[in-house]
Amino acid sequence: MSHFDHEKLDVYKAAIKVVVLIEEVVNQFPRGRAYLADQLQRAGTSIPLNIAEGAGEYASSEKIRFYRMARRSATECASIFDICQQLRIINEEQLQISRELLLRIVAMLTKMSRS
């Protein structure tokens, strides 16, 4: 079975894990936090989508542009998770897992944006 370029990337696999984690987290949000759930889901989904678009590009300047957009979405997710922690709508374990994943993603994308 053949694969798309992005499917081979560790950063893409980590980004998919973030999307799955976000779904789990959002399902436990209290009523009245739909705005936060929506923002987190959009930012989270944007990470693997931009990685896939970047991996599919031939021009390195375009690849870098998409990887930078993915990195910005990852840092946006980190900020939203911080807000969720302050509002006490996620637990410490979820926050820790999300931070570790997002830090890894940002580090990989930063490196990919330079090469």
Protein backbone atom coordinates (compact mmCIF):
# COMPACT_ATOMS: atom_id res chain seq x y z
CA MET A 1 0.00 0.00 0.00
CA SER A 2 1.41 3.37 -0.96
CA HIS A 3 1.48 6.34 1.40
CA PHE A 4 1.19 10.09 1.18
CA ASP A 5 4.37 11.98 2.11
CA HIS A 6 2.85 13.42 5.29
CA GLU A 7 1.87 10.00 6.66
CA LYS A 8 5.55 9.11 7.12
CA LEU A 9 6.30 12.16 9.27
CA ASP A 10 6.57 11.75 13.07
CA VAL A 11 5.30 15.30 13.48
CA TYR A 12 2.13 14.40 11.57
CA LYS A 13 1.54 11.33 13.77
CA ALA A 14 2.01 13.47 16.90
CA ALA A 15 -0.42 16.06 15.49
CA ILE A 16 -3.07 13.39 15.00
CA LYS A 17 -2.58 12.38 18.66
CA VAL A 18 -3.26 16.01 19.63
CA VAL A 19 -6.53 16.00 17.65
CA VAL A 20 -7.62 12.79 19.42
CA LEU A 21 -6.68 14.24 22.83
CA ILE A 22 -8.61 17.43 22.04
CA GLU A 23 -11.71 15.36 21.24
CA GLU A 24 -11.44 13.60 24.61
CA VAL A 25 -10.95 16.90 26.44
CA VAL A 26 -13.76 18.72 24.63
CA ASN A 27 -16.23 15.93 25.40
CA GLN A 28 -15.88 16.72 29.12
CA PHE A 29 -16.28 20.52 28.79
CA PRO A 30 -19.12 21.97 30.84
CA ARG A 31 -22.03 23.69 29.13
CA GLY A 32 -21.31 27.26 28.12
CA ARG A 33 -17.76 26.58 26.93
CA ALA A 34 -18.61 25.85 23.29
CA TYR A 35 -16.58 28.87 22.13
CA LEU A 36 -13.46 27.43 23.77
CA ALA A 37 -14.12 23.91 22.49
CA ASP A 38 -14.61 25.22 18.95
CA GLN A 39 -11.42 27.28 19.05
CA LEU A 40 -9.40 24.35 20.41
CA GLN A 41 -10.80 21.94 17.81
CA ARG A 42 -10.11 24.33 14.92
CA ALA A 43 -6.56 25.10 16.07
CA GLY A 44 -5.87 21.42 16.76
CA THR A 45 -7.17 20.22 13.40
CA SER A 46 -5.18 22.92 11.65
CA ILE A 47 -1.89 21.34 12.82
CA PRO A 48 -2.04 18.06 10.83
CA LEU A 49 -3.84 19.73 7.91
CA ASN A 50 -1.05 22.27 7.45
CA ILE A 51 1.62 19.59 7.91
CA ALA A 52 -0.04 17.52 5.17
CA GLU A 53 -0.25 20.53 2.85
CA GLY A 54 3.38 21.40 3.49
CA ALA A 55 4.55 17.85 2.89
CA GLY A 56 2.70 17.85 -0.43
CA GLU A 57 4.44 21.00 -1.67
CA TYR A 58 7.49 20.95 -3.93
CA ALA A 59 8.67 24.52 -3.39
CA SER A 60 10.62 24.73 -0.13
CA SER A 61 9.30 28.24 0.57
CA GLU A 62 5.73 26.90 0.43
CA LYS A 63 6.63 23.88 2.61
CA ILE A 64 8.08 26.24 5.21
CA ARG A 65 5.03 28.49 5.07
CA PHE A 66 2.69 25.58 5.87
CA TYR A 67 4.98 24.22 8.60
CA ARG A 68 5.05 27.67 10.22
CA MET A 69 1.24 27.86 10.12
CA ALA A 70 1.08 24.42 11.77
CA ARG A 71 3.53 25.61 14.44
CA ARG A 72 1.40 28.69 15.15
CA SER A 73 -1.68 26.49 15.54
CA ALA A 74 0.24 24.25 17.97
CA THR A 75 1.20 27.23 20.14
CA GLU A 76 -2.41 28.45 19.97
CA CYS A 77 -3.52 25.03 21.30
CA ALA A 78 -0.99 25.31 24.13
CA SER A 79 -2.48 28.66 25.10
CA ILE A 80 -6.04 27.33 24.99
CA PHE A 81 -5.00 24.38 27.19
CA ASP A 82 -3.53 26.91 29.66
CA ILE A 83 -6.87 28.72 29.71
CA CYS A 84 -8.67 25.40 30.25
CA GLN A 85 -6.40 24.64 33.19
CA GLN A 86 -7.07 28.05 34.76
CA LEU A 87 -10.82 27.48 34.31
CA ARG A 88 -10.40 24.01 35.84
CA ILE A 89 -12.00 22.21 32.91
CA ILE A 90 -9.11 19.83 32.18
CA ASN A 91 -7.16 17.66 34.57
CA GLU A 92 -3.44 17.79 35.27
CA GLU A 93 -2.70 14.59 33.33
CA GLN A 94 -4.42 15.89 30.18
CA LEU A 95 -2.55 19.18 30.48
CA GLN A 96 0.78 17.36 30.87
CA ILE A 97 0.17 15.06 27.89
CA SER A 98 -0.95 17.96 25.70
CA ARG A 99 2.08 20.07 26.67
CA GLU A 100 4.53 17.24 25.94
CA LEU A 101 2.96 16.54 22.55
CA LEU A 102 2.73 20.21 21.60
CA LEU A 103 6.32 20.95 22.69
CA ARG A 104 7.52 18.02 20.55
CA ILE A 105 5.46 19.21 17.59
CA VAL A 106 6.70 22.80 17.88
CA ALA A 107 10.33 21.62 18.13
CA MET A 108 9.98 19.39 15.04
CA LEU A 109 8.19 22.07 13.02
CA THR A 110 10.79 24.68 14.02
CA LYS A 111 13.52 22.38 12.71
CA MET A 112 11.54 21.61 9.53
CA SER A 113 11.00 25.33 8.92
CA ARG A 114 14.74 25.93 8.88
CA SER A 115 15.77 23.16 6.49
